[in-house]
N, C-alpha and C. Protein backbone atom coordinates (compact mmCIF):
# COMPACT_ATOMS: atom_id res chain seq x y z
N UNK A 1 48.93 -16.86 28.20
CA UNK A 1 47.71 -17.64 28.24
C UNK A 1 47.75 -18.70 27.13
N UNK A 2 47.47 -19.94 27.48
CA UNK A 2 47.54 -21.04 26.52
C UNK A 2 46.58 -20.84 25.35
N UNK A 3 47.08 -20.94 24.14
CA UNK A 3 46.26 -20.86 22.93
C UNK A 3 45.67 -22.24 22.68
N UNK A 4 44.35 -22.31 22.54
CA UNK A 4 43.66 -23.59 22.36
C UNK A 4 43.30 -23.77 20.88
N UNK A 5 43.87 -24.79 20.27
CA UNK A 5 43.60 -25.11 18.87
C UNK A 5 42.72 -26.34 18.80
N UNK A 6 41.53 -26.19 18.27
CA UNK A 6 40.66 -27.33 18.05
C UNK A 6 41.07 -28.05 16.77
N UNK A 7 41.17 -29.37 16.83
CA UNK A 7 41.52 -30.18 15.67
C UNK A 7 40.37 -31.13 15.40
N UNK A 8 39.82 -31.07 14.20
CA UNK A 8 38.67 -31.90 13.91
C UNK A 8 38.69 -32.34 12.45
N UNK A 9 37.78 -33.21 12.09
CA UNK A 9 37.69 -33.72 10.73
C UNK A 9 36.79 -34.94 10.70
N UNK A 10 36.22 -35.19 9.57
CA UNK A 10 35.32 -36.33 9.43
C UNK A 10 36.08 -37.64 9.45
N UNK A 11 35.36 -38.75 9.55
CA UNK A 11 35.96 -40.07 9.60
C UNK A 11 36.84 -40.30 8.37
N UNK A 12 38.01 -40.90 8.61
CA UNK A 12 38.89 -41.29 7.51
C UNK A 12 39.70 -40.16 6.91
N UNK A 13 39.71 -38.99 7.53
CA UNK A 13 40.42 -37.85 6.96
C UNK A 13 41.89 -37.77 7.38
N UNK A 14 42.30 -38.56 8.38
CA UNK A 14 43.69 -38.53 8.83
C UNK A 14 43.89 -37.69 10.07
N UNK A 15 42.85 -37.57 10.87
CA UNK A 15 42.90 -36.74 12.07
C UNK A 15 43.91 -37.28 13.09
N UNK A 16 43.90 -38.59 13.32
CA UNK A 16 44.82 -39.16 14.30
C UNK A 16 46.28 -38.97 13.88
N UNK A 17 46.55 -39.14 12.60
CA UNK A 17 47.90 -38.90 12.10
C UNK A 17 48.31 -37.46 12.32
N UNK A 18 47.40 -36.54 12.05
CA UNK A 18 47.73 -35.12 12.19
C UNK A 18 47.95 -34.74 13.65
N UNK A 19 47.12 -35.24 14.55
CA UNK A 19 47.34 -34.94 15.96
C UNK A 19 48.69 -35.49 16.42
N UNK A 20 49.09 -36.64 15.85
CA UNK A 20 50.40 -37.20 16.17
C UNK A 20 51.54 -36.30 15.73
N UNK A 21 51.34 -35.55 14.66
CA UNK A 21 52.36 -34.63 14.18
C UNK A 21 52.55 -33.46 15.15
N UNK A 22 51.48 -33.06 15.81
CA UNK A 22 51.63 -32.03 16.85
C UNK A 22 52.38 -32.60 18.05
N UNK A 23 52.07 -33.84 18.41
CA UNK A 23 52.79 -34.46 19.52
C UNK A 23 54.28 -34.56 19.22
N UNK A 24 54.61 -34.85 17.95
CA UNK A 24 56.03 -34.90 17.55
C UNK A 24 56.77 -33.61 17.90
N UNK A 25 56.04 -32.51 17.82
CA UNK A 25 56.64 -31.19 18.09
C UNK A 25 56.54 -30.79 19.56
N UNK A 26 56.10 -31.74 20.40
CA UNK A 26 56.02 -31.47 21.83
C UNK A 26 54.78 -30.71 22.26
N UNK A 27 53.78 -30.64 21.39
CA UNK A 27 52.55 -29.93 21.71
C UNK A 27 51.62 -30.88 22.46
N UNK A 28 51.09 -30.48 23.62
CA UNK A 28 50.14 -31.35 24.33
C UNK A 28 48.83 -31.48 23.57
N UNK A 29 48.34 -32.70 23.45
CA UNK A 29 47.10 -32.99 22.71
C UNK A 29 46.15 -33.77 23.60
N UNK A 30 44.91 -33.32 23.65
CA UNK A 30 43.87 -34.10 24.33
C UNK A 30 43.03 -34.79 23.27
N UNK A 31 43.01 -36.12 23.28
CA UNK A 31 42.30 -36.93 22.30
C UNK A 31 40.96 -37.34 22.89
N UNK A 32 39.87 -36.75 22.39
CA UNK A 32 38.55 -37.04 22.94
C UNK A 32 38.17 -38.50 22.72
N UNK A 33 38.54 -39.07 21.58
CA UNK A 33 38.23 -40.48 21.33
C UNK A 33 38.94 -41.38 22.34
N UNK A 34 40.21 -41.11 22.59
CA UNK A 34 40.95 -41.91 23.56
C UNK A 34 40.35 -41.77 24.95
N UNK A 35 39.87 -40.58 25.26
CA UNK A 35 39.22 -40.35 26.55
C UNK A 35 37.96 -41.19 26.67
N UNK A 36 37.17 -41.25 25.59
CA UNK A 36 35.96 -42.07 25.60
C UNK A 36 36.31 -43.54 25.79
N UNK A 37 37.32 -44.02 25.09
CA UNK A 37 37.72 -45.43 25.20
C UNK A 37 38.14 -45.76 26.63
N UNK A 38 38.86 -44.83 27.28
CA UNK A 38 39.25 -45.05 28.67
C UNK A 38 38.03 -45.07 29.59
N UNK A 39 37.08 -44.21 29.31
CA UNK A 39 35.86 -44.17 30.12
C UNK A 39 35.07 -45.47 29.98
N UNK A 40 35.11 -46.07 28.79
CA UNK A 40 34.40 -47.34 28.57
C UNK A 40 35.05 -48.49 29.34
N UNK A 41 36.26 -48.25 29.84
CA UNK A 41 36.92 -49.24 30.68
C UNK A 41 36.87 -48.85 32.16
N UNK A 42 36.30 -47.68 32.43
CA UNK A 42 36.31 -47.17 33.80
C UNK A 42 35.00 -46.55 34.23
N UNK A 43 35.01 -45.22 34.40
CA UNK A 43 33.89 -44.54 35.05
C UNK A 43 32.56 -44.65 34.31
N UNK A 44 32.58 -44.89 33.01
CA UNK A 44 31.34 -44.93 32.25
C UNK A 44 30.69 -46.31 32.20
N UNK A 45 31.40 -47.33 32.68
CA UNK A 45 30.88 -48.70 32.56
C UNK A 45 29.52 -48.84 33.24
N UNK A 46 29.42 -48.37 34.47
CA UNK A 46 28.17 -48.52 35.21
C UNK A 46 27.00 -47.82 34.56
N UNK A 47 27.09 -46.49 34.31
CA UNK A 47 25.94 -45.80 33.72
C UNK A 47 25.60 -46.26 32.31
N UNK A 48 26.62 -46.59 31.50
CA UNK A 48 26.33 -47.06 30.13
C UNK A 48 25.67 -48.44 30.18
N UNK A 49 26.17 -49.32 31.05
CA UNK A 49 25.57 -50.65 31.18
C UNK A 49 24.14 -50.59 31.66
N UNK A 50 23.84 -49.63 32.52
CA UNK A 50 22.47 -49.48 33.01
C UNK A 50 21.55 -48.96 31.92
N UNK A 51 22.05 -48.04 31.11
CA UNK A 51 21.23 -47.45 30.05
C UNK A 51 21.07 -48.38 28.86
N UNK A 52 22.09 -49.24 28.63
CA UNK A 52 22.07 -50.13 27.46
C UNK A 52 22.41 -51.55 27.91
N UNK A 53 21.45 -52.28 28.44
CA UNK A 53 21.70 -53.64 28.93
C UNK A 53 22.32 -54.53 27.85
N UNK A 54 23.34 -55.29 28.25
CA UNK A 54 23.96 -56.23 27.34
C UNK A 54 25.21 -55.72 26.65
N UNK A 55 25.55 -54.43 26.84
CA UNK A 55 26.73 -53.91 26.13
C UNK A 55 28.00 -54.03 26.96
N UNK A 56 27.89 -54.40 28.22
CA UNK A 56 29.08 -54.56 29.06
C UNK A 56 29.48 -56.03 29.09
N UNK A 57 30.74 -56.29 28.78
CA UNK A 57 31.28 -57.65 28.80
C UNK A 57 32.61 -57.64 29.52
N UNK A 58 32.78 -58.55 30.45
CA UNK A 58 34.03 -58.67 31.21
C UNK A 58 34.42 -57.36 31.88
N UNK A 59 33.42 -56.62 32.33
CA UNK A 59 33.68 -55.40 33.08
C UNK A 59 34.00 -54.17 32.28
N UNK A 60 33.90 -54.25 30.94
CA UNK A 60 34.14 -53.08 30.09
C UNK A 60 33.01 -52.97 29.07
N UNK A 61 32.82 -51.77 28.55
CA UNK A 61 31.81 -51.56 27.52
C UNK A 61 32.33 -52.13 26.20
N UNK A 62 31.57 -53.04 25.62
CA UNK A 62 31.91 -53.60 24.32
C UNK A 62 31.48 -52.59 23.26
N UNK A 63 32.46 -51.94 22.63
CA UNK A 63 32.16 -50.84 21.72
C UNK A 63 31.38 -51.29 20.49
N UNK A 64 31.62 -52.53 20.04
CA UNK A 64 30.89 -53.02 18.87
C UNK A 64 29.42 -53.22 19.21
N UNK A 65 29.14 -53.79 20.37
CA UNK A 65 27.75 -53.97 20.78
C UNK A 65 27.07 -52.63 21.04
N UNK A 66 27.81 -51.70 21.63
CA UNK A 66 27.25 -50.37 21.89
C UNK A 66 26.93 -49.66 20.58
N UNK A 67 27.84 -49.76 19.61
CA UNK A 67 27.61 -49.14 18.31
C UNK A 67 26.33 -49.67 17.67
N UNK A 68 26.14 -50.99 17.76
CA UNK A 68 24.93 -51.59 17.21
C UNK A 68 23.67 -51.10 17.92
N UNK A 69 23.82 -50.77 19.21
CA UNK A 69 22.67 -50.32 20.00
C UNK A 69 22.26 -48.89 19.71
N UNK A 70 23.20 -48.07 19.16
CA UNK A 70 22.88 -46.64 18.98
C UNK A 70 22.93 -46.18 17.53
N UNK A 71 23.65 -46.89 16.65
CA UNK A 71 23.82 -46.42 15.28
C UNK A 71 22.47 -46.38 14.56
N UNK A 72 22.15 -45.21 14.03
CA UNK A 72 20.89 -45.04 13.33
C UNK A 72 19.69 -44.89 14.24
N UNK A 73 19.95 -44.71 15.54
CA UNK A 73 18.87 -44.57 16.52
C UNK A 73 19.09 -43.26 17.30
N UNK A 74 18.55 -42.17 16.81
CA UNK A 74 18.85 -40.86 17.39
C UNK A 74 18.54 -40.75 18.88
N UNK A 75 17.45 -41.34 19.33
CA UNK A 75 17.11 -41.24 20.75
C UNK A 75 18.13 -41.98 21.61
N UNK A 76 18.53 -43.16 21.17
CA UNK A 76 19.53 -43.92 21.92
C UNK A 76 20.87 -43.19 21.91
N UNK A 77 21.21 -42.59 20.79
CA UNK A 77 22.48 -41.85 20.71
C UNK A 77 22.47 -40.66 21.66
N UNK A 78 21.36 -39.95 21.73
CA UNK A 78 21.27 -38.82 22.66
C UNK A 78 21.40 -39.28 24.10
N UNK A 79 20.84 -40.44 24.40
CA UNK A 79 20.95 -40.99 25.76
C UNK A 79 22.40 -41.30 26.09
N UNK A 80 23.12 -41.87 25.14
CA UNK A 80 24.53 -42.17 25.35
C UNK A 80 25.34 -40.89 25.51
N UNK A 81 25.09 -39.91 24.66
CA UNK A 81 25.83 -38.66 24.72
C UNK A 81 25.61 -37.93 26.04
N UNK A 82 24.41 -38.03 26.58
CA UNK A 82 24.12 -37.39 27.86
C UNK A 82 24.96 -37.98 28.98
N UNK A 83 25.36 -39.23 28.83
CA UNK A 83 26.23 -39.89 29.82
C UNK A 83 27.69 -39.53 29.58
N UNK A 84 28.12 -39.64 28.33
CA UNK A 84 29.54 -39.55 28.00
C UNK A 84 30.07 -38.12 27.92
N UNK A 85 29.30 -37.23 27.31
CA UNK A 85 29.83 -35.89 27.06
C UNK A 85 30.29 -35.15 28.32
N UNK A 86 29.52 -35.16 29.41
CA UNK A 86 30.00 -34.46 30.62
C UNK A 86 31.30 -35.07 31.16
N UNK A 87 31.46 -36.38 31.05
CA UNK A 87 32.67 -37.03 31.53
C UNK A 87 33.88 -36.64 30.68
N UNK A 88 33.68 -36.57 29.36
CA UNK A 88 34.77 -36.19 28.46
C UNK A 88 35.13 -34.73 28.68
N UNK A 89 34.13 -33.86 28.88
CA UNK A 89 34.41 -32.45 29.13
C UNK A 89 35.22 -32.28 30.42
N UNK A 90 34.91 -33.07 31.43
CA UNK A 90 35.68 -32.98 32.67
C UNK A 90 37.14 -33.36 32.44
N UNK A 91 37.37 -34.40 31.63
CA UNK A 91 38.74 -34.79 31.31
C UNK A 91 39.44 -33.69 30.51
N UNK A 92 38.72 -33.06 29.60
CA UNK A 92 39.28 -31.98 28.78
C UNK A 92 39.67 -30.79 29.65
N UNK A 93 38.79 -30.42 30.58
CA UNK A 93 39.06 -29.29 31.45
C UNK A 93 40.27 -29.56 32.34
N UNK A 94 40.40 -30.79 32.81
CA UNK A 94 41.57 -31.15 33.62
C UNK A 94 42.85 -31.05 32.78
N UNK A 95 42.79 -31.48 31.53
CA UNK A 95 43.93 -31.38 30.62
C UNK A 95 44.33 -29.92 30.41
N UNK A 96 43.35 -29.06 30.13
CA UNK A 96 43.66 -27.65 29.89
C UNK A 96 44.20 -26.97 31.14
N UNK A 97 43.68 -27.34 32.28
CA UNK A 97 44.19 -26.78 33.54
C UNK A 97 45.66 -27.15 33.72
N UNK A 98 46.01 -28.42 33.41
CA UNK A 98 47.41 -28.84 33.51
C UNK A 98 48.29 -28.06 32.54
N UNK A 99 47.77 -27.82 31.33
CA UNK A 99 48.53 -27.06 30.33
C UNK A 99 48.80 -25.64 30.80
N UNK A 100 47.77 -25.00 31.36
CA UNK A 100 47.94 -23.63 31.83
C UNK A 100 48.91 -23.57 33.00
N UNK A 101 48.78 -24.51 33.91
CA UNK A 101 49.68 -24.52 35.07
C UNK A 101 51.13 -24.77 34.65
N UNK A 102 51.32 -25.52 33.55
CA UNK A 102 52.67 -25.81 33.05
C UNK A 102 53.20 -24.69 32.16
N UNK A 103 52.36 -23.69 31.87
CA UNK A 103 52.78 -22.58 31.03
C UNK A 103 52.86 -22.92 29.55
N UNK A 104 52.09 -23.92 29.10
CA UNK A 104 52.10 -24.30 27.68
C UNK A 104 51.57 -23.16 26.82
N UNK A 105 52.29 -22.84 25.75
CA UNK A 105 51.84 -21.78 24.85
C UNK A 105 50.70 -22.24 23.96
N UNK A 106 50.66 -23.54 23.63
CA UNK A 106 49.65 -24.08 22.72
C UNK A 106 49.19 -25.43 23.22
N UNK A 107 47.90 -25.68 23.13
CA UNK A 107 47.33 -26.99 23.44
C UNK A 107 46.32 -27.33 22.36
N UNK A 108 46.26 -28.60 22.01
CA UNK A 108 45.36 -29.07 20.93
C UNK A 108 44.26 -29.93 21.52
N UNK A 109 43.02 -29.62 21.13
CA UNK A 109 41.87 -30.45 21.48
C UNK A 109 41.45 -31.22 20.24
N UNK A 110 41.71 -32.51 20.22
CA UNK A 110 41.37 -33.39 19.10
C UNK A 110 39.96 -33.93 19.36
N UNK A 111 38.98 -33.33 18.67
CA UNK A 111 37.56 -33.66 18.91
C UNK A 111 36.88 -33.95 17.58
N UNK A 112 36.50 -35.20 17.32
CA UNK A 112 35.92 -35.56 16.02
C UNK A 112 34.67 -34.75 15.66
N UNK A 113 33.77 -34.54 16.61
CA UNK A 113 32.51 -33.84 16.33
C UNK A 113 32.52 -32.44 16.95
N UNK A 114 33.62 -31.73 16.80
CA UNK A 114 33.76 -30.42 17.42
C UNK A 114 32.68 -29.45 16.94
N UNK A 115 32.50 -29.33 15.64
CA UNK A 115 31.48 -28.43 15.11
C UNK A 115 30.07 -28.93 15.41
N UNK A 116 29.88 -30.23 15.25
CA UNK A 116 28.54 -30.80 15.44
C UNK A 116 28.04 -30.58 16.87
N UNK A 117 28.97 -30.59 17.83
CA UNK A 117 28.61 -30.42 19.24
C UNK A 117 28.69 -28.97 19.68
N UNK A 118 29.00 -28.05 18.76
CA UNK A 118 29.10 -26.65 19.12
C UNK A 118 30.32 -26.33 19.97
N UNK A 119 31.38 -27.13 19.86
CA UNK A 119 32.54 -26.97 20.71
C UNK A 119 33.57 -25.98 20.22
N UNK A 120 33.38 -25.40 19.03
CA UNK A 120 34.39 -24.48 18.52
C UNK A 120 34.53 -23.23 19.39
N UNK A 121 33.49 -22.90 20.16
CA UNK A 121 33.57 -21.74 21.04
C UNK A 121 34.56 -21.92 22.18
N UNK A 122 34.97 -23.16 22.44
CA UNK A 122 35.97 -23.42 23.49
C UNK A 122 37.39 -23.25 22.97
N UNK A 123 37.52 -22.96 21.68
CA UNK A 123 38.83 -22.90 21.04
C UNK A 123 39.13 -21.49 20.54
N UNK A 124 40.43 -21.18 20.45
CA UNK A 124 40.86 -19.91 19.89
C UNK A 124 40.93 -19.97 18.36
N UNK A 125 41.11 -21.16 17.82
CA UNK A 125 41.10 -21.37 16.37
C UNK A 125 40.82 -22.85 16.13
N UNK A 126 40.39 -23.17 14.91
CA UNK A 126 40.04 -24.55 14.56
C UNK A 126 40.79 -24.98 13.31
N UNK A 127 41.39 -26.16 13.39
CA UNK A 127 42.07 -26.79 12.26
C UNK A 127 41.20 -27.96 11.79
N UNK A 128 40.91 -28.00 10.51
CA UNK A 128 40.15 -29.12 9.94
C UNK A 128 41.08 -29.99 9.11
N UNK A 129 41.07 -31.28 9.39
CA UNK A 129 41.85 -32.25 8.62
C UNK A 129 40.94 -32.78 7.52
N UNK A 130 41.43 -32.78 6.29
CA UNK A 130 40.57 -33.09 5.16
C UNK A 130 41.30 -33.92 4.12
N UNK A 131 40.52 -34.51 3.23
CA UNK A 131 41.04 -35.27 2.09
C UNK A 131 39.89 -35.40 1.09
N UNK A 132 40.17 -35.68 -0.16
CA UNK A 132 39.10 -35.85 -1.14
C UNK A 132 38.17 -37.00 -0.77
N UNK A 133 36.90 -36.94 -1.19
CA UNK A 133 35.92 -37.98 -0.82
C UNK A 133 36.35 -39.39 -1.19
N UNK A 134 36.99 -39.56 -2.33
CA UNK A 134 37.38 -40.91 -2.75
C UNK A 134 38.48 -41.47 -1.85
N UNK A 135 39.36 -40.60 -1.37
CA UNK A 135 40.40 -41.03 -0.45
C UNK A 135 39.78 -41.41 0.90
N UNK A 136 38.89 -40.57 1.37
CA UNK A 136 38.18 -40.85 2.62
C UNK A 136 37.46 -42.19 2.56
N UNK A 137 36.74 -42.41 1.49
CA UNK A 137 35.95 -43.64 1.35
C UNK A 137 36.85 -44.88 1.31
N UNK A 138 37.95 -44.78 0.57
CA UNK A 138 38.88 -45.91 0.47
C UNK A 138 39.47 -46.25 1.84
N UNK A 139 39.86 -45.23 2.59
CA UNK A 139 40.44 -45.45 3.91
C UNK A 139 39.44 -46.10 4.87
N UNK A 140 38.22 -45.58 4.87
CA UNK A 140 37.24 -46.06 5.85
C UNK A 140 36.79 -47.48 5.54
N UNK A 141 36.53 -47.77 4.28
CA UNK A 141 36.04 -49.10 3.93
C UNK A 141 37.11 -50.18 4.08
N UNK A 142 38.36 -49.77 4.24
CA UNK A 142 39.44 -50.74 4.48
C UNK A 142 39.49 -51.18 5.94
N UNK A 143 38.73 -50.51 6.81
CA UNK A 143 38.75 -50.83 8.23
C UNK A 143 37.98 -52.12 8.50
N UNK A 144 38.43 -52.90 9.48
CA UNK A 144 37.69 -54.12 9.83
C UNK A 144 36.27 -53.78 10.29
N UNK A 145 35.33 -54.63 9.92
CA UNK A 145 33.93 -54.50 10.34
C UNK A 145 33.21 -53.31 9.71
N UNK A 146 33.86 -52.56 8.83
CA UNK A 146 33.20 -51.42 8.21
C UNK A 146 32.42 -51.87 6.98
N UNK A 147 31.22 -51.32 6.82
CA UNK A 147 30.37 -51.63 5.68
C UNK A 147 29.88 -50.31 5.07
N UNK A 148 29.32 -50.43 3.86
CA UNK A 148 28.75 -49.25 3.20
C UNK A 148 27.65 -48.64 4.06
N UNK A 149 26.80 -49.50 4.65
CA UNK A 149 25.68 -49.00 5.45
C UNK A 149 26.18 -48.30 6.70
N UNK A 150 27.19 -48.86 7.33
CA UNK A 150 27.70 -48.24 8.54
C UNK A 150 28.38 -46.90 8.22
N UNK A 151 29.12 -46.85 7.13
CA UNK A 151 29.75 -45.60 6.73
C UNK A 151 28.70 -44.53 6.45
N UNK A 152 27.63 -44.91 5.77
CA UNK A 152 26.56 -43.95 5.47
C UNK A 152 25.93 -43.42 6.75
N UNK A 153 25.73 -44.30 7.74
CA UNK A 153 25.15 -43.88 9.01
C UNK A 153 26.07 -42.93 9.76
N UNK A 154 27.38 -43.20 9.72
CA UNK A 154 28.35 -42.32 10.39
C UNK A 154 28.38 -40.96 9.72
N UNK A 155 28.44 -40.94 8.39
CA UNK A 155 28.50 -39.67 7.67
C UNK A 155 27.23 -38.85 7.86
N UNK A 156 26.10 -39.51 8.07
CA UNK A 156 24.85 -38.80 8.29
C UNK A 156 24.88 -37.98 9.57
N UNK A 157 25.72 -38.39 10.54
CA UNK A 157 25.86 -37.67 11.81
C UNK A 157 26.85 -36.52 11.72
N UNK A 158 27.67 -36.51 10.67
CA UNK A 158 28.77 -35.56 10.61
C UNK A 158 28.48 -34.42 9.64
N UNK A 159 28.91 -33.25 10.01
CA UNK A 159 28.80 -32.09 9.13
C UNK A 159 29.60 -32.35 7.85
N UNK A 160 29.07 -31.98 6.68
CA UNK A 160 29.82 -32.19 5.44
C UNK A 160 31.20 -31.55 5.50
N UNK A 161 32.16 -32.23 4.88
CA UNK A 161 33.54 -31.75 4.89
C UNK A 161 33.65 -30.34 4.33
N UNK A 162 32.89 -30.03 3.29
CA UNK A 162 32.96 -28.70 2.69
C UNK A 162 32.58 -27.62 3.69
N UNK A 163 31.58 -27.89 4.51
CA UNK A 163 31.17 -26.92 5.52
C UNK A 163 32.22 -26.79 6.61
N UNK A 164 32.83 -27.90 7.00
CA UNK A 164 33.90 -27.83 8.00
C UNK A 164 35.07 -27.00 7.47
N UNK A 165 35.41 -27.22 6.23
CA UNK A 165 36.50 -26.45 5.63
C UNK A 165 36.16 -24.96 5.60
N UNK A 166 34.92 -24.66 5.31
CA UNK A 166 34.50 -23.25 5.25
C UNK A 166 34.67 -22.56 6.61
N UNK A 167 34.42 -23.31 7.67
CA UNK A 167 34.48 -22.74 9.02
C UNK A 167 35.89 -22.74 9.62
N UNK A 168 36.81 -23.43 8.98
CA UNK A 168 38.14 -23.63 9.56
C UNK A 168 38.99 -22.37 9.48
N UNK A 169 39.87 -22.22 10.47
CA UNK A 169 40.93 -21.22 10.39
C UNK A 169 42.14 -21.79 9.65
N UNK A 170 42.35 -23.10 9.81
CA UNK A 170 43.45 -23.79 9.15
C UNK A 170 42.93 -25.12 8.60
N UNK A 171 43.56 -25.58 7.50
CA UNK A 171 43.22 -26.88 6.91
C UNK A 171 44.51 -27.65 6.66
N UNK A 172 44.50 -28.93 7.04
CA UNK A 172 45.59 -29.83 6.68
C UNK A 172 45.02 -30.88 5.73
N UNK A 173 45.56 -30.93 4.53
CA UNK A 173 45.15 -31.91 3.51
C UNK A 173 46.08 -33.12 3.63
N UNK A 174 45.52 -34.27 4.03
CA UNK A 174 46.34 -35.45 4.25
C UNK A 174 46.46 -36.35 3.02
N UNK A 175 45.83 -35.96 1.91
CA UNK A 175 45.86 -36.82 0.73
C UNK A 175 47.25 -36.89 0.11
N UNK A 176 48.11 -35.93 0.45
CA UNK A 176 49.44 -35.87 -0.17
C UNK A 176 50.50 -36.58 0.66
N UNK A 177 50.09 -37.27 1.72
CA UNK A 177 51.03 -38.06 2.50
C UNK A 177 51.48 -37.38 3.78
N UNK A 178 52.19 -38.15 4.60
CA UNK A 178 52.58 -37.67 5.93
C UNK A 178 53.60 -36.54 5.85
N UNK A 179 54.55 -36.61 4.93
CA UNK A 179 55.56 -35.56 4.84
C UNK A 179 54.93 -34.22 4.53
N UNK A 180 53.98 -34.21 3.62
CA UNK A 180 53.29 -32.97 3.27
C UNK A 180 52.46 -32.47 4.45
N UNK A 181 51.81 -33.40 5.14
CA UNK A 181 51.02 -33.00 6.32
C UNK A 181 51.94 -32.43 7.40
N UNK A 182 53.11 -33.02 7.57
CA UNK A 182 54.06 -32.52 8.57
C UNK A 182 54.48 -31.09 8.23
N UNK A 183 54.71 -30.81 6.95
CA UNK A 183 55.07 -29.44 6.55
C UNK A 183 53.92 -28.47 6.83
N UNK A 184 52.69 -28.92 6.58
CA UNK A 184 51.53 -28.06 6.84
C UNK A 184 51.40 -27.75 8.33
N UNK A 185 51.61 -28.76 9.17
CA UNK A 185 51.56 -28.54 10.62
C UNK A 185 52.65 -27.56 11.04
N UNK A 186 53.84 -27.71 10.49
CA UNK A 186 54.93 -26.79 10.80
C UNK A 186 54.58 -25.35 10.44
N UNK A 187 53.92 -25.16 9.30
CA UNK A 187 53.51 -23.82 8.88
C UNK A 187 52.48 -23.23 9.84
N UNK A 188 51.54 -24.07 10.30
CA UNK A 188 50.53 -23.61 11.25
C UNK A 188 51.18 -23.20 12.57
N UNK A 189 52.13 -23.99 13.03
CA UNK A 189 52.82 -23.66 14.28
C UNK A 189 53.59 -22.35 14.15
N UNK A 190 54.14 -22.10 12.98
CA UNK A 190 54.85 -20.83 12.76
C UNK A 190 53.89 -19.65 12.84
N UNK A 191 52.71 -19.81 12.28
CA UNK A 191 51.70 -18.74 12.31
C UNK A 191 51.24 -18.48 13.74
N UNK A 192 51.09 -19.55 14.52
CA UNK A 192 50.54 -19.42 15.87
C UNK A 192 51.59 -19.06 16.92
N UNK A 193 52.85 -19.10 16.57
CA UNK A 193 53.92 -18.85 17.54
C UNK A 193 53.73 -17.50 18.22
N UNK A 194 53.67 -17.54 19.55
CA UNK A 194 53.55 -16.30 20.33
C UNK A 194 52.17 -15.74 20.46
N UNK A 195 51.18 -16.36 19.83
CA UNK A 195 49.81 -15.83 19.94
C UNK A 195 49.20 -16.26 21.27
N UNK A 196 48.71 -15.32 22.05
CA UNK A 196 48.08 -15.69 23.32
C UNK A 196 46.65 -16.17 23.10
N UNK A 197 46.20 -17.08 23.93
CA UNK A 197 44.82 -17.52 23.89
C UNK A 197 43.93 -16.56 24.66
N UNK A 198 42.63 -16.75 24.53
CA UNK A 198 41.69 -15.94 25.29
C UNK A 198 41.76 -16.32 26.76
N UNK A 199 41.53 -15.34 27.61
CA UNK A 199 41.48 -15.61 29.05
C UNK A 199 40.25 -16.43 29.36
N UNK A 200 40.45 -17.57 30.01
CA UNK A 200 39.35 -18.44 30.40
C UNK A 200 39.54 -18.84 31.85
N UNK A 201 38.45 -19.08 32.56
CA UNK A 201 38.59 -19.47 33.97
C UNK A 201 39.23 -20.83 34.09
N UNK A 202 40.08 -21.00 35.09
CA UNK A 202 40.67 -22.31 35.39
C UNK A 202 39.69 -23.08 36.25
N UNK A 203 38.83 -23.83 35.61
CA UNK A 203 37.81 -24.57 36.35
C UNK A 203 38.34 -25.94 36.69
N UNK A 204 38.36 -26.24 37.97
CA UNK A 204 38.77 -27.58 38.40
C UNK A 204 37.60 -28.53 38.19
N UNK A 205 37.74 -29.55 37.32
CA UNK A 205 36.63 -30.44 37.04
C UNK A 205 36.24 -31.28 38.25
N UNK A 206 34.98 -31.62 38.31
CA UNK A 206 34.46 -32.44 39.40
C UNK A 206 34.53 -33.91 38.98
N UNK A 207 35.35 -34.68 39.68
CA UNK A 207 35.49 -36.11 39.35
C UNK A 207 34.73 -36.98 40.32
N UNK A 208 33.82 -36.39 41.08
CA UNK A 208 33.07 -37.17 42.05
C UNK A 208 32.17 -38.17 41.36
């Protein structure tokens, strides 16, 4: 039975780099963020455009305009999540079904808000990617279009890193560089080798 490892972490912690290290080892990874971006170019365009007039440009959801429409607006954010979350879950379930059918021993679910959305129950264990606050802040503020106010709004939505670390089964500290992170991932894979996942129903997602 495929062991499901949830991978999560706050903004700027090095989550994408860490998920890439699992891919290097041939481990299948489902990237929830990438799934959302694909949906903004496909199935989500119609419902998101209807709910948030003006955010669709040239047939795709303009993520910058959408962010401006929901950031700091809890009701608008809940409306968006009600559209996107079921679509992302369907993609995730299809991914896990493919992993089980292929006999994969381990699959990784890369979900930024795994704890915040109560998604840890879908996983056999959770890995939290972390770094010191000053490293996180430096990384995030170096991004284009990022501001102090926007960072504060994003962090307000996310569970504090200390709490995520407390709940984690595994932690990867990315402050020491990629080589150190790669060694940490290797150690985690050694611990998980041969561990079966919980039996879960193979639900075929509805793409209608």
